[in-house]
Amino acid sequence: MALNSRYEPFLERITVEPGKCGGRPCIRGYRLRVGDVLDLIAHGASREELLADYPFLEPEDITAALLYAARQTDHLILADAS
């Protein structure tokens, strides 16, 4: 199994709907944005705290948010050769 296909089930948890949260990526159609999860983690929230504060949230959702963010930063940037 390829590395990318191993993570596809996690990434399927990320949804984007034009009429919800301004079209920003959310967790499984809920109004909890990937950015919200990342911001909470960046400010020190643990997985356990997130799961306690958001009863609908599953451990795999947190992993999905982190994987989604990692994918977003993995874009090739070409430097100007001049």
Protein backbone atom coordinates (compact mmCIF):
# COMPACT_ATOMS: atom_id res chain seq x y z
CA MET A 1 0.00 0.00 0.00
CA ALA A 2 1.39 3.40 -0.97
CA LEU A 3 1.96 5.95 1.76
CA ASN A 4 -0.58 8.39 0.29
CA SER A 5 -3.32 5.78 -0.01
CA ARG A 6 -2.77 4.87 3.65
CA TYR A 7 -3.92 8.36 4.65
CA GLU A 8 -6.83 8.76 2.22
CA PRO A 9 -9.44 7.47 4.72
CA PHE A 10 -8.36 10.22 7.12
CA LEU A 11 -8.53 12.92 4.47
CA GLU A 12 -12.06 11.85 3.52
CA ARG A 13 -13.07 13.25 6.92
CA ILE A 14 -12.32 16.76 5.66
CA THR A 15 -15.27 18.33 3.87
CA VAL A 16 -15.60 21.56 1.92
CA GLU A 17 -19.08 22.94 1.28
CA PRO A 18 -19.54 26.34 -0.40
CA GLY A 19 -22.37 27.40 1.93
CA LYS A 20 -20.74 26.27 5.16
CA CYS A 21 -18.05 28.19 7.05
CA GLY A 22 -17.30 30.28 3.98
CA GLY A 23 -16.19 27.24 2.01
CA ARG A 24 -13.35 26.54 4.43
CA PRO A 25 -12.41 22.91 5.13
CA CYS A 26 -14.37 21.42 8.02
CA ILE A 27 -14.43 18.21 10.01
CA ARG A 28 -16.99 15.71 8.62
CA GLY A 29 -19.50 18.36 7.64
CA TYR A 30 -19.68 19.87 11.11
CA ARG A 31 -19.12 23.58 11.59
CA LEU A 32 -15.73 22.94 13.11
CA ARG A 33 -13.07 24.14 10.71
CA VAL A 34 -9.74 22.42 10.21
CA GLY A 35 -8.17 25.79 11.04
CA ASP A 36 -10.00 25.85 14.39
CA VAL A 37 -8.58 22.45 15.32
CA LEU A 38 -5.09 23.51 14.26
CA ASP A 39 -5.35 26.78 16.17
CA LEU A 40 -6.42 24.99 19.34
CA ILE A 41 -3.51 22.55 19.03
CA ALA A 42 -1.10 25.41 18.37
CA HIS A 43 -2.29 27.07 21.57
CA GLY A 44 -1.59 23.96 23.62
CA ALA A 45 -4.82 21.97 23.57
CA SER A 46 -4.25 18.23 23.83
CA ARG A 47 -6.11 15.62 21.84
CA GLU A 48 -7.89 14.63 25.03
CA GLU A 49 -9.05 18.19 25.64
CA LEU A 50 -10.34 18.53 22.08
CA LEU A 51 -12.25 15.26 22.34
CA ALA A 52 -13.77 16.32 25.67
CA ASP A 53 -14.74 19.80 24.43
CA TYR A 54 -16.24 18.59 21.13
CA PRO A 55 -18.20 15.37 21.79
CA PHE A 56 -18.75 14.68 18.07
CA LEU A 57 -15.01 14.83 17.39
CA GLU A 58 -13.19 11.52 16.92
CA PRO A 59 -9.44 10.90 17.30
CA GLU A 60 -9.19 10.28 13.56
CA ASP A 61 -10.62 13.76 12.92
CA ILE A 62 -7.68 15.36 14.68
CA THR A 63 -5.25 13.26 12.66
CA ALA A 64 -7.14 14.23 9.51
CA ALA A 65 -6.80 17.94 10.31
CA LEU A 66 -3.05 17.57 10.83
CA LEU A 67 -2.62 15.55 7.63
CA TYR A 68 -4.67 18.06 5.68
CA ALA A 69 -2.49 20.92 6.93
CA ALA A 70 0.66 18.98 6.11
CA ARG A 71 -0.57 18.40 2.57
CA GLN A 72 -1.36 22.09 2.14
CA THR A 73 2.23 23.03 2.95
CA ASP A 74 3.75 20.43 0.64
CA HIS A 75 3.64 22.45 -2.57
CA LEU A 76 6.65 22.98 -4.79
CA ILE A 77 7.76 26.60 -4.94
CA LEU A 78 9.91 27.60 -7.88
CA ALA A 79 12.43 30.33 -7.16
CA ASP A 80 13.01 33.07 -9.69
CA ALA A 81 16.17 32.14 -11.58
CA SER A 82 17.10 35.75 -12.37
